[in-house]
Amino acid sequence: LKLARRNIRLRSGRDVNIMESIKVSEVVESDYEAIRDITPLRQVFSIMQSSKSSFFPIVDYKGHIVGTLSFQDMRTMILDKPEVDALVIAQDICHPHPPSLYPDDSLDKALQKLALRDLEFLPVVARDEPQKLIGILKKSDIFRQYHRKLLDKMSQS
């Protein structure tokens, strides 16, 4: 149903083949804004307010992924607990151990992982060092790339 709303039709497996043929490495955003795990809550909120992004990987001093946080998570938390303690840091409020992707995974696999937890983005990590963050993959970027490939394929027909 969600695919149909995005005008993606799976006829005879044709569109699935497109998604399986595109690798995460073709779409991953390597210019992302990460937040350090020790960043105080007030500063996290300030970073999010001034950023164009709505999704943030939370990283340690080595740049290793420790969790994820979205603007929606932050807004919900602040609405639920407006008196949040000043000692709270990013690591305290992030989603720890997020599912992740490797650069050589297909976009089909990425969509499955996103759908499983109803997520908007996933961290992309190095296969040989699964905590090392390479970038992020947003659901919107997957569909943008899918449409590009589909148009390319249609123009070649």
N, C-alpha and C. Protein backbone atom coordinates (compact mmCIF):
# COMPACT_ATOMS: atom_id res chain seq x y z
N LEU A 1 0.82 -1.20 0.00
CA LEU A 1 0.00 0.00 0.00
C LEU A 1 0.87 1.26 0.00
N LYS A 2 1.92 1.27 0.85
CA LYS A 2 2.80 2.44 0.87
C LYS A 2 3.51 2.59 -0.47
N LEU A 3 3.91 1.46 -1.07
CA LEU A 3 4.56 1.52 -2.37
C LEU A 3 3.60 2.06 -3.42
N ALA A 4 2.35 1.64 -3.35
CA ALA A 4 1.35 2.10 -4.32
C ALA A 4 1.16 3.61 -4.21
N ARG A 5 1.17 4.13 -2.99
CA ARG A 5 1.04 5.57 -2.80
C ARG A 5 2.21 6.32 -3.42
N ARG A 6 3.34 5.69 -3.49
CA ARG A 6 4.53 6.32 -4.09
C ARG A 6 4.64 6.00 -5.58
N ASN A 7 3.56 5.42 -6.13
CA ASN A 7 3.50 5.09 -7.54
C ASN A 7 4.49 4.00 -7.92
N ILE A 8 4.76 3.09 -7.00
CA ILE A 8 5.63 1.95 -7.28
C ILE A 8 4.76 0.72 -7.44
N ARG A 9 4.79 0.14 -8.60
CA ARG A 9 3.99 -1.03 -8.90
C ARG A 9 4.91 -2.23 -9.08
N LEU A 10 4.59 -3.30 -8.40
CA LEU A 10 5.41 -4.50 -8.51
C LEU A 10 4.72 -5.47 -9.47
N ARG A 11 5.04 -5.37 -10.75
CA ARG A 11 4.46 -6.24 -11.76
C ARG A 11 5.49 -7.27 -12.20
N SER A 12 5.13 -8.51 -12.03
CA SER A 12 6.00 -9.62 -12.44
C SER A 12 7.41 -9.49 -11.89
N GLY A 13 7.54 -8.88 -10.73
CA GLY A 13 8.84 -8.77 -10.10
C GLY A 13 9.77 -7.74 -10.73
N ARG A 14 9.28 -7.01 -11.73
CA ARG A 14 10.13 -6.08 -12.48
C ARG A 14 10.73 -4.99 -11.59
N ASP A 15 9.90 -4.34 -10.79
CA ASP A 15 10.40 -3.26 -9.95
C ASP A 15 11.25 -3.77 -8.80
N VAL A 16 10.95 -4.97 -8.33
CA VAL A 16 11.77 -5.57 -7.28
C VAL A 16 13.19 -5.75 -7.79
N ASN A 17 13.32 -6.15 -9.06
CA ASN A 17 14.65 -6.32 -9.64
C ASN A 17 15.44 -5.02 -9.63
N ILE A 18 14.77 -3.91 -9.85
CA ILE A 18 15.44 -2.61 -9.82
C ILE A 18 15.99 -2.37 -8.42
N MET A 19 15.16 -2.60 -7.41
CA MET A 19 15.59 -2.37 -6.03
C MET A 19 16.73 -3.29 -5.62
N GLU A 20 16.70 -4.51 -6.11
CA GLU A 20 17.78 -5.46 -5.78
C GLU A 20 19.08 -5.10 -6.49
N SER A 21 18.97 -4.41 -7.61
CA SER A 21 20.18 -4.09 -8.38
C SER A 21 20.89 -2.83 -7.89
N ILE A 22 20.23 -2.03 -7.08
CA ILE A 22 20.85 -0.80 -6.58
C ILE A 22 21.45 -1.07 -5.21
N LYS A 23 22.70 -0.72 -5.05
CA LYS A 23 23.40 -0.92 -3.78
C LYS A 23 23.27 0.32 -2.90
N VAL A 24 23.29 0.08 -1.61
CA VAL A 24 23.23 1.16 -0.62
C VAL A 24 24.33 2.19 -0.88
N SER A 25 25.50 1.72 -1.31
CA SER A 25 26.64 2.62 -1.56
C SER A 25 26.34 3.67 -2.62
N GLU A 26 25.36 3.41 -3.51
CA GLU A 26 25.00 4.37 -4.55
C GLU A 26 24.14 5.51 -4.01
N VAL A 27 23.55 5.31 -2.83
CA VAL A 27 22.57 6.27 -2.32
C VAL A 27 22.96 6.84 -0.96
N VAL A 28 23.88 6.19 -0.27
CA VAL A 28 24.23 6.60 1.09
C VAL A 28 24.68 8.06 1.14
N GLU A 29 24.23 8.76 2.15
CA GLU A 29 24.61 10.15 2.36
C GLU A 29 25.79 10.17 3.32
N SER A 30 26.95 10.54 2.80
CA SER A 30 28.15 10.54 3.65
C SER A 30 28.39 11.90 4.30
N ASP A 31 27.65 12.90 3.85
CA ASP A 31 27.75 14.24 4.45
C ASP A 31 26.55 14.40 5.39
N TYR A 32 26.68 13.85 6.57
CA TYR A 32 25.59 13.83 7.54
C TYR A 32 26.01 14.57 8.80
N GLU A 33 25.04 14.92 9.59
CA GLU A 33 25.29 15.61 10.85
C GLU A 33 25.11 14.61 11.99
N ALA A 34 26.20 14.28 12.66
CA ALA A 34 26.14 13.36 13.79
C ALA A 34 26.21 14.16 15.09
N ILE A 35 25.70 13.56 16.14
CA ILE A 35 25.73 14.18 17.47
C ILE A 35 26.54 13.28 18.38
N ARG A 36 27.47 13.86 19.10
CA ARG A 36 28.28 13.08 20.05
C ARG A 36 27.40 12.55 21.17
N ASP A 37 27.73 11.38 21.64
CA ASP A 37 26.96 10.72 22.70
C ASP A 37 26.95 11.48 24.02
N ILE A 38 27.95 12.30 24.25
CA ILE A 38 28.05 13.04 25.52
C ILE A 38 27.47 14.45 25.45
N THR A 39 26.83 14.78 24.34
CA THR A 39 26.25 16.11 24.17
C THR A 39 25.08 16.30 25.12
N PRO A 40 25.09 17.39 25.90
CA PRO A 40 23.97 17.65 26.82
C PRO A 40 22.66 17.84 26.05
N LEU A 41 21.58 17.46 26.69
CA LEU A 41 20.25 17.49 26.08
C LEU A 41 19.90 18.86 25.50
N ARG A 42 20.17 19.91 26.23
CA ARG A 42 19.83 21.26 25.73
C ARG A 42 20.58 21.56 24.43
N GLN A 43 21.83 21.11 24.34
CA GLN A 43 22.62 21.33 23.13
C GLN A 43 22.11 20.45 21.99
N VAL A 44 21.68 19.23 22.31
CA VAL A 44 21.10 18.35 21.29
C VAL A 44 19.89 19.04 20.66
N PHE A 45 19.05 19.58 21.50
CA PHE A 45 17.85 20.28 21.02
C PHE A 45 18.24 21.47 20.15
N SER A 46 19.24 22.21 20.56
CA SER A 46 19.71 23.36 19.80
C SER A 46 20.25 22.94 18.43
N ILE A 47 21.03 21.86 18.40
CA ILE A 47 21.57 21.33 17.13
C ILE A 47 20.42 20.96 16.21
N MET A 48 19.44 20.27 16.76
CA MET A 48 18.31 19.82 15.94
C MET A 48 17.50 20.99 15.40
N GLN A 49 17.33 22.01 16.20
CA GLN A 49 16.55 23.17 15.76
C GLN A 49 17.23 23.91 14.61
N SER A 50 18.54 23.95 14.62
CA SER A 50 19.26 24.71 13.59
C SER A 50 19.65 23.86 12.38
N SER A 51 19.36 22.57 12.41
CA SER A 51 19.75 21.67 11.34
C SER A 51 18.64 21.52 10.29
N LYS A 52 19.05 21.21 9.08
CA LYS A 52 18.09 20.90 8.02
C LYS A 52 17.64 19.44 8.12
N SER A 53 18.39 18.64 8.84
CA SER A 53 18.10 17.21 8.97
C SER A 53 17.10 16.95 10.10
N SER A 54 16.39 15.86 9.98
CA SER A 54 15.46 15.44 11.03
C SER A 54 15.94 14.18 11.73
N PHE A 55 17.03 13.59 11.21
CA PHE A 55 17.54 12.32 11.71
C PHE A 55 19.02 12.45 12.03
N PHE A 56 19.41 11.89 13.16
CA PHE A 56 20.79 12.05 13.60
C PHE A 56 21.36 10.75 14.15
N PRO A 57 22.52 10.34 13.64
CA PRO A 57 23.23 9.25 14.30
C PRO A 57 23.92 9.80 15.54
N ILE A 58 23.93 9.02 16.60
CA ILE A 58 24.63 9.39 17.83
C ILE A 58 25.91 8.57 17.85
N VAL A 59 27.06 9.25 17.97
CA VAL A 59 28.36 8.58 17.86
C VAL A 59 29.23 8.84 19.08
N ASP A 60 30.18 7.91 19.30
CA ASP A 60 31.14 8.10 20.40
C ASP A 60 32.35 8.86 19.87
N TYR A 61 33.38 8.98 20.70
CA TYR A 61 34.56 9.77 20.32
C TYR A 61 35.32 9.19 19.14
N LYS A 62 35.11 7.90 18.83
CA LYS A 62 35.76 7.28 17.68
C LYS A 62 34.92 7.39 16.40
N GLY A 63 33.74 7.97 16.54
CA GLY A 63 32.84 8.04 15.39
C GLY A 63 32.03 6.78 15.20
N HIS A 64 32.03 5.93 16.22
CA HIS A 64 31.26 4.69 16.15
C HIS A 64 29.81 4.96 16.55
N ILE A 65 28.92 4.31 15.86
CA ILE A 65 27.49 4.49 16.12
C ILE A 65 27.09 3.88 17.46
N VAL A 66 26.40 4.67 18.27
CA VAL A 66 25.88 4.15 19.55
C VAL A 66 24.36 4.20 19.57
N GLY A 67 23.76 4.91 18.62
CA GLY A 67 22.31 4.99 18.56
C GLY A 67 21.85 5.99 17.52
N THR A 68 20.55 6.18 17.48
CA THR A 68 19.96 7.15 16.56
C THR A 68 18.93 7.99 17.30
N LEU A 69 18.68 9.15 16.76
CA LEU A 69 17.71 10.06 17.37
C LEU A 69 17.08 10.89 16.26
N SER A 70 15.78 11.05 16.33
CA SER A 70 15.09 11.89 15.35
C SER A 70 14.51 13.11 16.05
N PHE A 71 14.19 14.10 15.26
CA PHE A 71 13.57 15.30 15.82
C PHE A 71 12.24 14.92 16.46
N GLN A 72 11.54 13.97 15.85
CA GLN A 72 10.26 13.51 16.40
C GLN A 72 10.47 12.88 17.78
N ASP A 73 11.52 12.07 17.95
CA ASP A 73 11.83 11.47 19.26
C ASP A 73 12.03 12.56 20.30
N MET A 74 12.78 13.55 19.92
CA MET A 74 13.12 14.64 20.83
C MET A 74 11.88 15.44 21.21
N ARG A 75 11.07 15.74 20.23
CA ARG A 75 9.84 16.51 20.48
C ARG A 75 8.91 15.74 21.42
N THR A 76 8.76 14.45 21.18
CA THR A 76 7.92 13.62 22.04
C THR A 76 8.44 13.60 23.46
N MET A 77 9.75 13.46 23.60
CA MET A 77 10.34 13.41 24.94
C MET A 77 10.13 14.72 25.69
N ILE A 78 10.32 15.82 25.00
CA ILE A 78 10.18 17.12 25.66
C ILE A 78 8.72 17.38 26.03
N LEU A 79 7.80 16.95 25.18
CA LEU A 79 6.38 17.12 25.50
C LEU A 79 5.97 16.24 26.68
N ASP A 80 6.55 15.04 26.74
CA ASP A 80 6.23 14.11 27.84
C ASP A 80 6.85 14.54 29.16
N LYS A 81 8.06 15.10 29.10
CA LYS A 81 8.80 15.46 30.31
C LYS A 81 9.44 16.84 30.15
N PRO A 82 8.67 17.90 30.27
CA PRO A 82 9.25 19.24 30.07
C PRO A 82 10.30 19.61 31.11
N GLU A 83 10.33 18.92 32.23
CA GLU A 83 11.29 19.23 33.30
C GLU A 83 12.55 18.38 33.20
N VAL A 84 12.89 17.92 31.99
CA VAL A 84 14.01 17.01 31.78
C VAL A 84 15.27 17.52 32.47
N ASP A 85 15.92 16.61 33.13
CA ASP A 85 17.12 16.90 33.91
C ASP A 85 18.24 17.45 33.03
N ALA A 86 18.93 18.45 33.53
CA ALA A 86 20.04 19.08 32.80
C ALA A 86 21.22 18.13 32.64
N LEU A 87 21.24 17.03 33.38
CA LEU A 87 22.35 16.08 33.30
C LEU A 87 22.16 15.04 32.20
N VAL A 88 21.03 15.05 31.54
CA VAL A 88 20.75 14.09 30.47
C VAL A 88 21.61 14.42 29.26
N ILE A 89 22.18 13.36 28.66
CA ILE A 89 23.00 13.51 27.45
C ILE A 89 22.37 12.71 26.31
N ALA A 90 22.88 12.91 25.11
CA ALA A 90 22.33 12.27 23.91
C ALA A 90 22.23 10.76 24.05
N GLN A 91 23.25 10.13 24.62
CA GLN A 91 23.24 8.67 24.74
C GLN A 91 22.09 8.18 25.62
N ASP A 92 21.66 9.00 26.57
CA ASP A 92 20.56 8.61 27.46
C ASP A 92 19.22 8.53 26.75
N ILE A 93 19.06 9.26 25.68
CA ILE A 93 17.75 9.36 25.03
C ILE A 93 17.70 8.74 23.64
N CYS A 94 18.83 8.31 23.10
CA CYS A 94 18.85 7.75 21.75
C CYS A 94 18.32 6.32 21.74
N HIS A 95 18.03 5.85 20.54
CA HIS A 95 17.66 4.44 20.35
C HIS A 95 18.96 3.67 20.18
N PRO A 96 19.34 2.88 21.19
CA PRO A 96 20.62 2.18 21.11
C PRO A 96 20.56 0.98 20.16
N HIS A 97 21.69 0.60 19.66
CA HIS A 97 21.84 -0.57 18.79
C HIS A 97 20.83 -0.57 17.64
N PRO A 98 20.85 0.48 16.83
CA PRO A 98 19.88 0.53 15.73
C PRO A 98 20.23 -0.50 14.67
N PRO A 99 19.23 -0.96 13.92
CA PRO A 99 19.56 -1.82 12.79
C PRO A 99 20.40 -0.99 11.83
N SER A 100 21.29 -1.64 11.12
CA SER A 100 22.16 -0.90 10.21
C SER A 100 22.28 -1.63 8.89
N LEU A 101 22.91 -0.97 7.95
CA LEU A 101 23.12 -1.51 6.62
C LEU A 101 24.60 -1.47 6.29
N TYR A 102 24.98 -2.29 5.32
CA TYR A 102 26.33 -2.27 4.77
C TYR A 102 26.26 -1.65 3.37
N PRO A 103 27.34 -1.06 2.90
CA PRO A 103 27.33 -0.43 1.58
C PRO A 103 26.96 -1.38 0.44
N ASP A 104 27.26 -2.68 0.59
CA ASP A 104 26.96 -3.62 -0.49
C ASP A 104 25.57 -4.26 -0.37
N ASP A 105 24.78 -3.86 0.62
CA ASP A 105 23.39 -4.32 0.72
C ASP A 105 22.58 -3.69 -0.40
N SER A 106 21.49 -4.35 -0.79
CA SER A 106 20.61 -3.80 -1.82
C SER A 106 19.58 -2.86 -1.20
N LEU A 107 19.01 -2.01 -2.04
CA LEU A 107 17.95 -1.13 -1.56
C LEU A 107 16.71 -1.92 -1.17
N ASP A 108 16.53 -3.08 -1.76
CA ASP A 108 15.43 -3.96 -1.37
C ASP A 108 15.59 -4.37 0.10
N LYS A 109 16.79 -4.77 0.47
CA LYS A 109 17.06 -5.14 1.87
C LYS A 109 16.89 -3.93 2.78
N ALA A 110 17.34 -2.77 2.32
CA ALA A 110 17.20 -1.55 3.12
C ALA A 110 15.74 -1.24 3.39
N LEU A 111 14.90 -1.35 2.37
CA LEU A 111 13.47 -1.07 2.56
C LEU A 111 12.84 -2.06 3.53
N GLN A 112 13.25 -3.31 3.46
CA GLN A 112 12.73 -4.31 4.40
C GLN A 112 13.07 -3.93 5.84
N LYS A 113 14.32 -3.53 6.06
CA LYS A 113 14.73 -3.14 7.41
C LYS A 113 14.01 -1.88 7.89
N LEU A 114 13.84 -0.93 7.00
CA LEU A 114 13.12 0.30 7.35
C LEU A 114 11.67 -0.01 7.71
N ALA A 115 11.04 -0.86 6.91
CA ALA A 115 9.63 -1.19 7.12
C ALA A 115 9.42 -1.99 8.41
N LEU A 116 10.37 -2.84 8.73
CA LEU A 116 10.25 -3.70 9.90
C LEU A 116 10.03 -2.90 11.18
N ARG A 117 10.69 -1.75 11.28
CA ARG A 117 10.57 -0.91 12.48
C ARG A 117 9.92 0.44 12.20
N ASP A 118 9.38 0.60 11.01
CA ASP A 118 8.75 1.85 10.61
C ASP A 118 9.69 3.04 10.82
N LEU A 119 10.90 2.92 10.25
CA LEU A 119 11.93 3.95 10.39
C LEU A 119 12.01 4.80 9.13
N GLU A 120 12.58 5.98 9.26
CA GLU A 120 12.79 6.88 8.14
C GLU A 120 14.23 6.88 7.64
N PHE A 121 15.15 6.37 8.46
CA PHE A 121 16.55 6.31 8.05
C PHE A 121 17.27 5.21 8.81
N LEU A 122 18.39 4.78 8.25
CA LEU A 122 19.25 3.78 8.90
C LEU A 122 20.70 4.20 8.76
N PRO A 123 21.50 3.89 9.77
CA PRO A 123 22.94 4.13 9.63
C PRO A 123 23.55 3.09 8.68
N VAL A 124 24.56 3.51 7.96
CA VAL A 124 25.32 2.61 7.09
C VAL A 124 26.70 2.48 7.71
N VAL A 125 27.12 1.24 7.94
CA VAL A 125 28.38 0.98 8.63
C VAL A 125 29.30 0.12 7.76
N ALA A 126 30.58 0.13 8.11
CA ALA A 126 31.57 -0.66 7.38
C ALA A 126 31.38 -2.14 7.70
N ARG A 127 31.42 -2.98 6.68
CA ARG A 127 31.24 -4.42 6.90
C ARG A 127 32.36 -4.98 7.77
N ASP A 128 33.59 -4.50 7.59
CA ASP A 128 34.72 -5.02 8.36
C ASP A 128 34.83 -4.40 9.76
N GLU A 129 34.06 -3.34 10.01
CA GLU A 129 34.05 -2.69 11.32
C GLU A 129 32.62 -2.18 11.57
N PRO A 130 31.72 -3.08 12.00
CA PRO A 130 30.29 -2.77 12.07
C PRO A 130 29.87 -1.61 12.97
N GLN A 131 30.77 -1.08 13.77
CA GLN A 131 30.42 0.10 14.57
C GLN A 131 30.83 1.40 13.88
N LYS A 132 31.66 1.29 12.82
CA LYS A 132 32.16 2.48 12.14
C LYS A 132 31.10 3.04 11.19
N LEU A 133 30.64 4.23 11.49
CA LEU A 133 29.60 4.87 10.71
C LEU A 133 30.18 5.45 9.42
N ILE A 134 29.58 5.07 8.30
CA ILE A 134 29.98 5.57 6.99
C ILE A 134 29.05 6.68 6.53
N GLY A 135 27.78 6.53 6.86
CA GLY A 135 26.79 7.51 6.44
C GLY A 135 25.40 7.09 6.88
N ILE A 136 24.41 7.78 6.32
CA ILE A 136 23.03 7.42 6.62
C ILE A 136 22.27 7.22 5.32
N LEU A 137 21.25 6.40 5.38
CA LEU A 137 20.40 6.15 4.23
C LEU A 137 18.97 6.51 4.63
N LYS A 138 18.40 7.46 3.91
CA LYS A 138 17.03 7.91 4.20
C LYS A 138 16.06 7.24 3.24
N LYS A 139 14.89 6.94 3.76
CA LYS A 139 13.85 6.32 2.94
C LYS A 139 13.55 7.18 1.71
N SER A 140 13.49 8.47 1.89
CA SER A 140 13.19 9.37 0.77
C SER A 140 14.25 9.28 -0.33
N ASP A 141 15.51 9.08 0.05
CA ASP A 141 16.59 8.94 -0.94
C ASP A 141 16.47 7.63 -1.71
N ILE A 142 16.00 6.59 -1.03
CA ILE A 142 15.80 5.30 -1.70
C ILE A 142 14.78 5.46 -2.82
N PHE A 143 13.65 6.08 -2.51
CA PHE A 143 12.60 6.24 -3.51
C PHE A 143 13.03 7.18 -4.63
N ARG A 144 13.80 8.20 -4.31
CA ARG A 144 14.31 9.12 -5.33
C ARG A 144 15.21 8.35 -6.31
N GLN A 145 16.11 7.52 -5.79
CA GLN A 145 17.01 6.73 -6.64
C GLN A 145 16.23 5.70 -7.45
N TYR A 146 15.24 5.09 -6.82
CA TYR A 146 14.40 4.11 -7.51
C TYR A 146 13.74 4.77 -8.73
N HIS A 147 13.15 5.94 -8.53
CA HIS A 147 12.47 6.62 -9.63
C HIS A 147 13.46 7.00 -10.74
N ARG A 148 14.66 7.42 -10.38
CA ARG A 148 15.69 7.73 -11.40
C ARG A 148 15.99 6.49 -12.25
N LYS A 149 16.23 5.37 -11.56
CA LYS A 149 16.57 4.13 -12.27
C LYS A 149 15.41 3.66 -13.14
N LEU A 150 14.20 3.80 -12.62
CA LEU A 150 13.02 3.38 -13.38
C LEU A 150 12.87 4.24 -14.63
N LEU A 151 13.07 5.55 -14.50
CA LEU A 151 12.99 6.43 -15.67
C LEU A 151 14.08 6.10 -16.68
N ASP A 152 15.29 5.81 -16.19
CA ASP A 152 16.38 5.40 -17.08
C ASP A 152 16.01 4.14 -17.84
N LYS A 153 15.45 3.19 -17.12
CA LYS A 153 15.07 1.91 -17.72
C LYS A 153 13.97 2.11 -18.75
N MET A 154 13.01 2.96 -18.45
CA MET A 154 11.90 3.22 -19.37
C MET A 154 12.39 3.95 -20.62
N SER A 155 13.35 4.85 -20.46
CA SER A 155 13.85 5.60 -21.62
C SER A 155 14.69 4.71 -22.54
N GLN A 156 15.22 3.62 -22.00
CA GLN A 156 16.01 2.68 -22.79
C GLN A 156 15.12 1.68 -23.53
N SER A 157 13.87 1.58 -23.11
CA SER A 157 12.94 0.61 -23.74
C SER A 157 12.41 1.12 -25.05
